C-alpha atoms as a PDB file:
ATOM      1  CA  MET A   1     -11.215   3.595-123.604  1.00  0.00           C
ATOM      2  CA  LYS A   2      -7.462   4.675-122.580  1.00  0.00           C
ATOM      3  CA  LEU A   3      -7.704   6.579-119.479  1.00  0.00           C
ATOM      4  CA  ASP A   4      -4.459   9.127-118.912  1.00  0.00           C
ATOM      5  CA  ILE A   5      -3.260   9.179-114.730  1.00  0.00           C
ATOM      6  CA  LEU A   6      -1.461  11.861-114.122  1.00  0.00           C
ATOM      7  CA  THR A   7       1.742  11.145-111.835  1.00  0.00           C
ATOM      8  CA  LYS A   8       2.088  13.025-108.837  1.00  0.00           C
ATOM      9  CA  THR A   9       4.680  15.268-110.460  1.00  0.00           C
ATOM     10  CA  GLU A  10       2.228  16.385-112.886  1.00  0.00           C
ATOM     11  CA  THR A  11      -0.574  17.125-110.663  1.00  0.00           C
ATOM     12  CA  LEU A  12       1.730  19.440-108.463  1.00  0.00           C
ATOM     13  CA  ASN A  13       3.010  21.235-111.653  1.00  0.00           C
ATOM     14  CA  ILE A  14      -0.102  21.571-112.293  1.00  0.00           C
ATOM     15  CA  GLN A  15      -1.094  23.418-109.476  1.00  0.00           C
ATOM     16  CA  LYS A  16       1.954  25.210-109.787  1.00  0.00           C
ATOM     17  CA  GLU A  17       0.506  26.610-112.845  1.00  0.00           C
ATOM     18  CA  ILE A  18      -3.035  27.024-112.324  1.00  0.00           C
ATOM     19  CA  ILE A  19      -1.387  28.996-109.045  1.00  0.00           C
ATOM     20  CA  SER A  20       1.279  31.517-110.943  1.00  0.00           C
ATOM     21  CA  LYS A  21      -1.599  32.103-113.232  1.00  0.00           C
ATOM     22  CA  ILE A  22      -3.842  33.004-110.655  1.00  0.00           C
ATOM     23  CA  ARG A  23      -1.408  35.013-109.567  1.00  0.00           C
ATOM     24  CA  ASP A  24      -0.567  37.058-113.244  1.00  0.00           C
ATOM     25  CA  LEU A  25      -4.562  37.893-113.301  1.00  0.00           C
ATOM     26  CA  ILE A  26      -4.988  39.215-109.599  1.00  0.00           C
ATOM     27  CA  ASN A  27      -1.623  41.222-110.343  1.00  0.00           C
ATOM     28  CA  LEU A  28      -3.792  42.221-114.101  1.00  0.00           C
ATOM     29  CA  LYS A  29      -6.702  42.768-113.596  1.00  0.00           C
ATOM     30  CA  ASN A  30      -5.466  45.276-110.113  1.00  0.00           C
ATOM     31  CA  LEU A  31      -8.099  43.024-107.567  1.00  0.00           C
ATOM     32  CA  GLU A  32      -7.910  43.853-104.280  1.00  0.00           C
ATOM     33  CA  PRO A  33      -8.250  42.801-101.449  1.00  0.00           C
ATOM     34  CA  GLY A  34     -12.531  41.919-101.120  1.00  0.00           C
ATOM     35  CA  ASP A  35     -12.435  41.747-104.695  1.00  0.00           C
ATOM     36  CA  LYS A  36     -13.999  38.221-106.240  1.00  0.00           C
ATOM     37  CA  LEU A  37     -11.731  36.126-108.329  1.00  0.00           C
ATOM     38  CA  PRO A  38     -14.015  34.361-111.740  1.00  0.00           C
ATOM     39  CA  SER A  39     -15.704  31.364-111.421  1.00  0.00           C
ATOM     40  CA  GLU A  40     -13.714  27.828-110.913  1.00  0.00           C
ATOM     41  CA  ARG A  41     -15.587  27.260-114.532  1.00  0.00           C
ATOM     42  CA  MET A  42     -14.365  30.358-116.335  1.00  0.00           C
ATOM     43  CA  LEU A  43     -10.852  30.147-114.635  1.00  0.00           C
ATOM     44  CA  SER A  44     -10.627  26.689-115.930  1.00  0.00           C
ATOM     45  CA  GLU A  45     -11.324  27.941-119.373  1.00  0.00           C
ATOM     46  CA  LYS A  46      -9.515  30.410-119.860  1.00  0.00           C
ATOM     47  CA  PHE A  47      -6.787  28.399-118.338  1.00  0.00           C
ATOM     48  CA  GLU A  48      -7.524  25.491-120.136  1.00  0.00           C
ATOM     49  CA  VAL A  49      -7.519  22.858-117.148  1.00  0.00           C
ATOM     50  CA  THR A  50      -9.945  21.014-114.636  1.00  0.00           C
ATOM     51  CA  ARG A  51     -12.679  22.694-112.837  1.00  0.00           C
ATOM     52  CA  SER A  52     -10.618  20.418-110.046  1.00  0.00           C
ATOM     53  CA  ASN A  53      -7.649  21.326-111.129  1.00  0.00           C
ATOM     54  CA  VAL A  54      -8.329  24.732-110.404  1.00  0.00           C
ATOM     55  CA  ARG A  55     -10.445  24.073-107.115  1.00  0.00           C
ATOM     56  CA  GLU A  56      -7.106  22.118-105.213  1.00  0.00           C
ATOM     57  CA  ALA A  57      -5.020  24.821-106.496  1.00  0.00           C
ATOM     58  CA  ILE A  58      -7.745  27.793-104.586  1.00  0.00           C
ATOM     59  CA  GLN A  59      -8.121  25.473-102.090  1.00  0.00           C
ATOM     60  CA  LYS A  60      -4.031  25.017-101.264  1.00  0.00           C
ATOM     61  CA  LEU A  61      -4.246  29.719-101.278  1.00  0.00           C
ATOM     62  CA  GLU A  62      -7.164  29.591 -99.293  1.00  0.00           C
ATOM     63  CA  PHE A  63      -4.908  27.273 -96.707  1.00  0.00           C
ATOM     64  CA  TYR A  64      -1.845  29.862 -96.498  1.00  0.00           C
ATOM     65  CA  GLY A  65      -4.692  32.827 -95.712  1.00  0.00           C
ATOM     66  CA  LEU A  66      -4.259  33.919 -99.616  1.00  0.00           C
ATOM     67  CA  LEU A  67      -7.972  33.922-100.749  1.00  0.00           C
ATOM     68  CA  LYS A  68     -10.811  32.933 -99.054  1.00  0.00           C
ATOM     69  CA  SER A  69     -14.154  31.060-100.395  1.00  0.00           C
ATOM     70  CA  ILE A  70     -17.160  32.201 -99.274  1.00  0.00           C
ATOM     71  CA  PRO A  71     -20.798  29.494-100.048  1.00  0.00           C
ATOM     72  CA  GLN A  72     -22.408  30.483-103.034  1.00  0.00           C
ATOM     73  CA  SER A  73     -20.797  33.750-102.766  1.00  0.00           C
ATOM     74  CA  GLY A  74     -17.596  32.934-104.633  1.00  0.00           C
ATOM     75  CA  THR A  75     -13.925  33.235-104.030  1.00  0.00           C
ATOM     76  CA  PHE A  76     -12.271  36.533-103.438  1.00  0.00           C
ATOM     77  CA  VAL A  77      -8.966  38.116-102.692  1.00  0.00           C
ATOM     78  CA  ALA A  78      -8.278  37.609 -99.311  1.00  0.00           C
ATOM     79  CA  ASN A  79      -7.447  41.216 -96.581  1.00  0.00           C
ATOM     80  CA  ILE A  80      -2.982  40.955 -97.837  1.00  0.00           C
ATOM     81  CA  GLY A  81      -1.522  43.316 -99.025  1.00  0.00           C
ATOM     82  CA  VAL A  82      -0.501  42.677-102.874  1.00  0.00           C
ATOM     83  CA  ILE A  83       3.724  42.602-102.458  1.00  0.00           C
ATOM     84  CA  ALA A  84       2.557  40.261 -99.747  1.00  0.00           C
ATOM     85  CA  MET A  85       0.689  38.094-101.538  1.00  0.00           C
ATOM     86  CA  ASN A  86       3.640  38.307-104.748  1.00  0.00           C
ATOM     87  CA  GLY A  87       6.048  36.919-101.864  1.00  0.00           C
ATOM     88  CA  MET A  88       4.100  34.464-100.368  1.00  0.00           C
ATOM     89  CA  ILE A  89       3.302  32.952-104.136  1.00  0.00           C
ATOM     90  CA  GLU A  90       6.715  32.396-105.330  1.00  0.00           C
ATOM     91  CA  ASP A  91       7.279  30.635-101.873  1.00  0.00           C
ATOM     92  CA  ILE A  92       4.447  28.556-102.642  1.00  0.00           C
ATOM     93  CA  LEU A  93       5.860  28.219-106.265  1.00  0.00           C
ATOM     94  CA  ARG A  94       9.408  27.196-104.923  1.00  0.00           C
ATOM     95  CA  LEU A  95       7.570  23.963-102.199  1.00  0.00           C
ATOM     96  CA  GLU A  96       9.218  20.771-103.508  1.00  0.00           C
ATOM     97  CA  GLU A  97       7.401  17.427-101.842  1.00  0.00           C
ATOM     98  CA  PRO A  98       9.097  16.689 -98.628  1.00  0.00           C
ATOM     99  CA  ASP A  99      11.024  13.702 -98.547  1.00  0.00           C
ATOM    100  CA  PHE A 100      10.948  10.776 -96.126  1.00  0.00           C
ATOM    101  CA  LYS A 101      13.656  12.287 -93.957  1.00  0.00           C
ATOM    102  CA  SER A 102      12.190  15.365 -93.551  1.00  0.00           C
ATOM    103  CA  LEU A 103       8.120  13.570 -93.024  1.00  0.00           C
ATOM    104  CA  VAL A 104      10.322  11.463 -90.487  1.00  0.00           C
ATOM    105  CA  GLU A 105      11.652  14.602 -88.566  1.00  0.00           C
ATOM    106  CA  THR A 106       8.260  16.480 -88.838  1.00  0.00           C
ATOM    107  CA  ARG A 107       6.207  14.019 -87.398  1.00  0.00           C
ATOM    108  CA  ILE A 108       8.981  13.457 -84.129  1.00  0.00           C
ATOM    109  CA  LEU A 109       8.247  16.951 -83.651  1.00  0.00           C
ATOM    110  CA  LEU A 110       5.177  16.689 -83.392  1.00  0.00           C
ATOM    111  CA  GLU A 111       4.383  13.650 -81.963  1.00  0.00           C
ATOM    112  CA  LEU A 112       6.528  14.733 -78.936  1.00  0.00           C
ATOM    113  CA  LYS A 113       4.698  16.966 -77.965  1.00  0.00           C
ATOM    114  CA  THR A 114       1.587  16.309 -78.899  1.00  0.00           C
ATOM    115  CA  ALA A 115       2.180  12.973 -76.340  1.00  0.00           C
ATOM    116  CA  ARG A 116       2.821  15.295 -73.770  1.00  0.00           C
ATOM    117  CA  LEU A 117       0.135  17.200 -74.065  1.00  0.00           C
ATOM    118  CA  ALA A 118      -1.883  14.804 -74.603  1.00  0.00           C
ATOM    119  CA  ALA A 119      -0.976  13.110 -70.599  1.00  0.00           C
ATOM    120  CA  LEU A 120      -1.864  15.895 -70.036  1.00  0.00           C
ATOM    121  CA  ARG A 121      -5.061  16.916 -71.459  1.00  0.00           C
ATOM    122  CA  ARG A 122      -6.957  13.677 -72.705  1.00  0.00           C
ATOM    123  CA  THR A 123     -10.439  12.536 -71.937  1.00  0.00           C
ATOM    124  CA  ASP A 124     -11.792   9.349 -71.065  1.00  0.00           C
ATOM    125  CA  GLU A 125     -13.527   9.922 -75.182  1.00  0.00           C
ATOM    126  CA  ASP A 126      -9.404   9.802 -76.061  1.00  0.00           C
ATOM    127  CA  LEU A 127      -8.568   6.828 -74.199  1.00  0.00           C
ATOM    128  CA  GLN A 128     -10.666   5.011 -75.418  1.00  0.00           C
ATOM    129  CA  LYS A 129     -10.434   6.301 -79.320  1.00  0.00           C
ATOM    130  CA  MET A 130      -6.734   5.349 -78.708  1.00  0.00           C
ATOM    131  CA  LYS A 131      -7.584   2.172 -76.660  1.00  0.00           C
ATOM    132  CA  ASN A 132      -9.350   0.884 -80.179  1.00  0.00           C
ATOM    133  CA  ALA A 133      -6.202   1.523 -82.568  1.00  0.00           C
ATOM    134  CA  LEU A 134      -4.255   0.159 -80.172  1.00  0.00           C
ATOM    135  CA  ASP A 135      -6.299  -3.652 -80.147  1.00  0.00           C
ATOM    136  CA  ALA A 136      -6.545  -2.867 -84.251  1.00  0.00           C
ATOM    137  CA  TYR A 137      -3.076  -2.193 -84.751  1.00  0.00           C
ATOM    138  CA  ALA A 138      -2.061  -5.281 -82.643  1.00  0.00           C
ATOM    139  CA  GLU A 139      -4.285  -7.969 -83.552  1.00  0.00           C
ATOM    140  CA  LYS A 140      -3.354  -7.000 -87.533  1.00  0.00           C
ATOM    141  CA  VAL A 141       0.159  -7.718 -86.715  1.00  0.00           C
ATOM    142  CA  ARG A 142      -0.358 -11.119 -84.699  1.00  0.00           C
ATOM    143  CA  ASN A 143      -2.333 -11.875 -87.548  1.00  0.00           C
ATOM    144  CA  GLY A 144       0.720 -11.067 -90.230  1.00  0.00           C
ATOM    145  CA  GLU A 145      -0.897  -8.290 -91.791  1.00  0.00           C
ATOM    146  CA  ASP A 146      -0.106  -4.863 -92.565  1.00  0.00           C
ATOM    147  CA  ALA A 147      -0.890  -2.834 -90.128  1.00  0.00           C
ATOM    148  CA  VAL A 148       0.627   0.518 -91.248  1.00  0.00           C
ATOM    149  CA  GLN A 149      -2.771   2.359 -91.388  1.00  0.00           C
ATOM    150  CA  GLU A 150      -3.679   1.497 -87.640  1.00  0.00           C
ATOM    151  CA  ASP A 151      -1.106   1.856 -86.483  1.00  0.00           C
ATOM    152  CA  LEU A 152      -1.344   5.817 -87.666  1.00  0.00           C
ATOM    153  CA  LEU A 153      -5.076   5.646 -86.197  1.00  0.00           C
ATOM    154  CA  PHE A 154      -3.528   5.697 -82.915  1.00  0.00           C
ATOM    155  CA  HIS A 155      -0.456   8.353 -83.622  1.00  0.00           C
ATOM    156  CA  LEU A 156      -4.011  10.477 -84.730  1.00  0.00           C
ATOM    157  CA  ALA A 157      -6.003   9.405 -81.913  1.00  0.00           C
ATOM    158  CA  ILE A 158      -3.273  11.322 -79.288  1.00  0.00           C
ATOM    159  CA  ALA A 159      -2.357  13.708 -81.782  1.00  0.00           C
ATOM    160  CA  LYS A 160      -6.640  14.781 -81.244  1.00  0.00           C
ATOM    161  CA  ALA A 161      -6.147  13.890 -77.714  1.00  0.00           C
ATOM    162  CA  SER A 162      -3.159  16.569 -77.421  1.00  0.00           C
ATOM    163  CA  GLY A 163      -6.198  19.366 -77.408  1.00  0.00           C
ATOM    164  CA  ASN A 164      -4.234  21.245 -80.089  1.00  0.00           C
ATOM    165  CA  SER A 165      -6.005  22.003 -83.302  1.00  0.00           C
ATOM    166  CA  THR A 166      -3.088  23.063 -85.287  1.00  0.00           C
ATOM    167  CA  MET A 167      -0.529  19.548 -84.410  1.00  0.00           C
ATOM    168  CA  ASN A 168      -3.915  17.502 -85.274  1.00  0.00           C
ATOM    169  CA  THR A 169      -4.036  19.260 -88.084  1.00  0.00           C
ATOM    170  CA  PHE A 170      -0.753  18.569 -89.403  1.00  0.00           C
ATOM    171  CA  MET A 171      -0.872  15.677 -88.655  1.00  0.00           C
ATOM    172  CA  LEU A 172      -3.707  14.745 -91.070  1.00  0.00           C
ATOM    173  CA  ILE A 173      -1.716  17.054 -93.741  1.00  0.00           C
ATOM    174  CA  ILE A 174       1.672  14.748 -93.273  1.00  0.00           C
ATOM    175  CA  THR A 175      -0.476  11.272 -92.641  1.00  0.00           C
ATOM    176  CA  PRO A 176      -1.011  10.224 -96.714  1.00  0.00           C
ATOM    177  CA  GLU A 177       2.543  10.866 -97.329  1.00  0.00           C
ATOM    178  CA  ILE A 178       3.655   9.244 -94.534  1.00  0.00           C
ATOM    179  CA  ILE A 179       1.418   6.021 -95.183  1.00  0.00           C
ATOM    180  CA  THR A 180       3.239   6.063 -98.958  1.00  0.00           C
ATOM    181  CA  ASN A 181       6.546   6.477 -97.971  1.00  0.00           C
ATOM    182  CA  PHE A 182       5.698   3.792 -95.194  1.00  0.00           C
ATOM    183  CA  GLU A 183       4.834   1.474 -97.590  1.00  0.00           C
ATOM    184  CA  LYS A 184       7.568   2.620-100.546  1.00  0.00           C
ATOM    185  CA  TYR A 185      10.849   1.813 -98.317  1.00  0.00           C
ATOM    186  CA  HIS A 186       9.181  -1.322 -96.963  1.00  0.00           C
ATOM    187  CA  VAL A 187      10.272   0.818 -93.196  1.00  0.00           C
ATOM    188  CA  CYS A 188       8.347  -1.937 -90.666  1.00  0.00           C
ATOM    189  CA  ASP A 189       9.209  -5.830 -90.138  1.00  0.00           C
ATOM    190  CA  SER A 190       7.769  -8.382 -88.318  1.00  0.00           C
ATOM    191  CA  ASN A 191       9.959  -8.079 -85.233  1.00  0.00           C
ATOM    192  CA  GLN A 192       9.420  -3.845 -85.503  1.00  0.00           C
ATOM    193  CA  ALA A 193       6.046  -4.394 -85.772  1.00  0.00           C
ATOM    194  CA  GLN A 194       6.665  -6.885 -82.892  1.00  0.00           C
ATOM    195  CA  ALA A 195       7.787  -3.876 -80.985  1.00  0.00           C
ATOM    196  CA  GLY A 196       5.703  -1.864 -81.732  1.00  0.00           C
ATOM    197  CA  ILE A 197       2.820  -3.805 -79.609  1.00  0.00           C
ATOM    198  CA  ILE A 198       4.617  -3.407 -76.245  1.00  0.00           C
ATOM    199  CA  GLU A 199       6.043   0.911 -77.704  1.00  0.00           C
ATOM    200  CA  HIS A 200       2.325   2.032 -78.039  1.00  0.00           C
ATOM    201  CA  THR A 201       1.117   0.170 -74.867  1.00  0.00           C
ATOM    202  CA  GLU A 202       3.460   2.167 -72.880  1.00  0.00           C
ATOM    203  CA  ILE A 203       2.723   5.519 -74.666  1.00  0.00           C
ATOM    204  CA  TYR A 204      -1.024   4.925 -74.465  1.00  0.00           C
ATOM    205  CA  GLU A 205       0.079   3.602 -70.466  1.00  0.00           C
ATOM    206  CA  ALA A 206       1.790   6.952 -70.055  1.00  0.00           C
ATOM    207  CA  ILE A 207      -0.952   9.354 -71.421  1.00  0.00           C
ATOM    208  CA  LYS A 208      -3.824   6.563 -69.402  1.00  0.00           C
ATOM    209  CA  ALA A 209      -1.618   7.876 -65.961  1.00  0.00           C
ATOM    210  CA  LYS A 210      -1.121  11.735 -66.854  1.00  0.00           C
ATOM    211  CA  ASP A 211       2.438  11.627 -66.708  1.00  0.00           C
ATOM    212  CA  SER A 212       3.476  13.985 -69.510  1.00  0.00           C
ATOM    213  CA  GLN A 213       7.467  13.605 -69.128  1.00  0.00           C
ATOM    214  CA  LEU A 214       7.076   9.555 -69.108  1.00  0.00           C
ATOM    215  CA  ALA A 215       4.246   9.734 -72.371  1.00  0.00           C
ATOM    216  CA  LYS A 216       7.481  12.322 -74.046  1.00  0.00           C
ATOM    217  CA  GLN A 217      10.235   9.289 -73.681  1.00  0.00           C
ATOM    218  CA  LYS A 218       7.987   6.421 -74.422  1.00  0.00           C
ATOM    219  CA  MET A 219       7.656   8.145 -77.734  1.00  0.00           C
ATOM    220  CA  LYS A 220      10.669   9.343 -77.906  1.00  0.00           C
ATOM    221  CA  GLU A 221      11.720   5.847 -77.900  1.00  0.00           C
ATOM    222  CA  HIS A 222       9.293   4.660 -80.443  1.00  0.00           C
ATOM    223  CA  PHE A 223      10.548   6.199 -83.045  1.00  0.00           C
ATOM    224  CA  LYS A 224      14.569   5.711 -82.001  1.00  0.00           C
ATOM    225  CA  ILE A 225      14.305   3.045 -84.941  1.00  0.00           C
ATOM    226  CA  LEU A 226      12.661   5.089 -87.551  1.00  0.00           C
ATOM    227  CA  TYR A 227      15.134   7.145 -87.347  1.00  0.00           C
ATOM    228  CA  GLN A 228      17.894   5.666 -87.337  1.00  0.00           C
ATOM    229  CA  TYR A 229      16.108   4.136 -90.653  1.00  0.00           C
ATOM    230  CA  CYS A 230      15.377   6.943 -92.614  1.00  0.00           C
ATOM    231  CA  TYR A 231      19.406   7.591 -92.185  1.00  0.00           C
ATOM    232  CA  ASN A 232      20.311   4.751 -93.496  1.00  0.00           C
ATOM    233  CA  ILE A 233      17.935   4.701 -96.769  1.00  0.00           C
END
């Protein structure tokens, strides 16, 4: 049996089409805040797409606060005016996938903040998670293995230690794209990976010592090569 596998672009286009149709449905039916949308099954049949496609589109609109799903009850229009909703949906439909440079810039801005906050707020449990990720990264690098995921687990542990749930969420959102692009562009060679062990250790020690300025500085130094690299691809 041949399986039709959609590309990422095709999936994104389907999602945008569904979002556009949900907007048209809300306008056509004059749905107001608190009104209920048809079920996922009914929408999938109406739009001639899979239920999983509908679910992903609804989740995206939920993320932006335009819809609200209540377990066992259904999906409802959020408490937002029609003009504002249409404007926000237009912005969502114009969104494009972030390029590698944008991801790097966003990640650096986030991590300079999370490193500083982690140094101020980290707990012993946070430190242990960082140390575990650091050790796992170092072991893979020394064995000549790909350690991209362990690298990112270390940075996610720092984001969690920052105590800022929004920053942590943003890191979780962009992490899959970063992993994909790391593999696509072969960013880390063996020398950089070896240097990463030292740099990670310095960041960890600064956070452990609760030195927020040093933690931020060490994180900045850690990203110097990556930042330069992304502007040469």
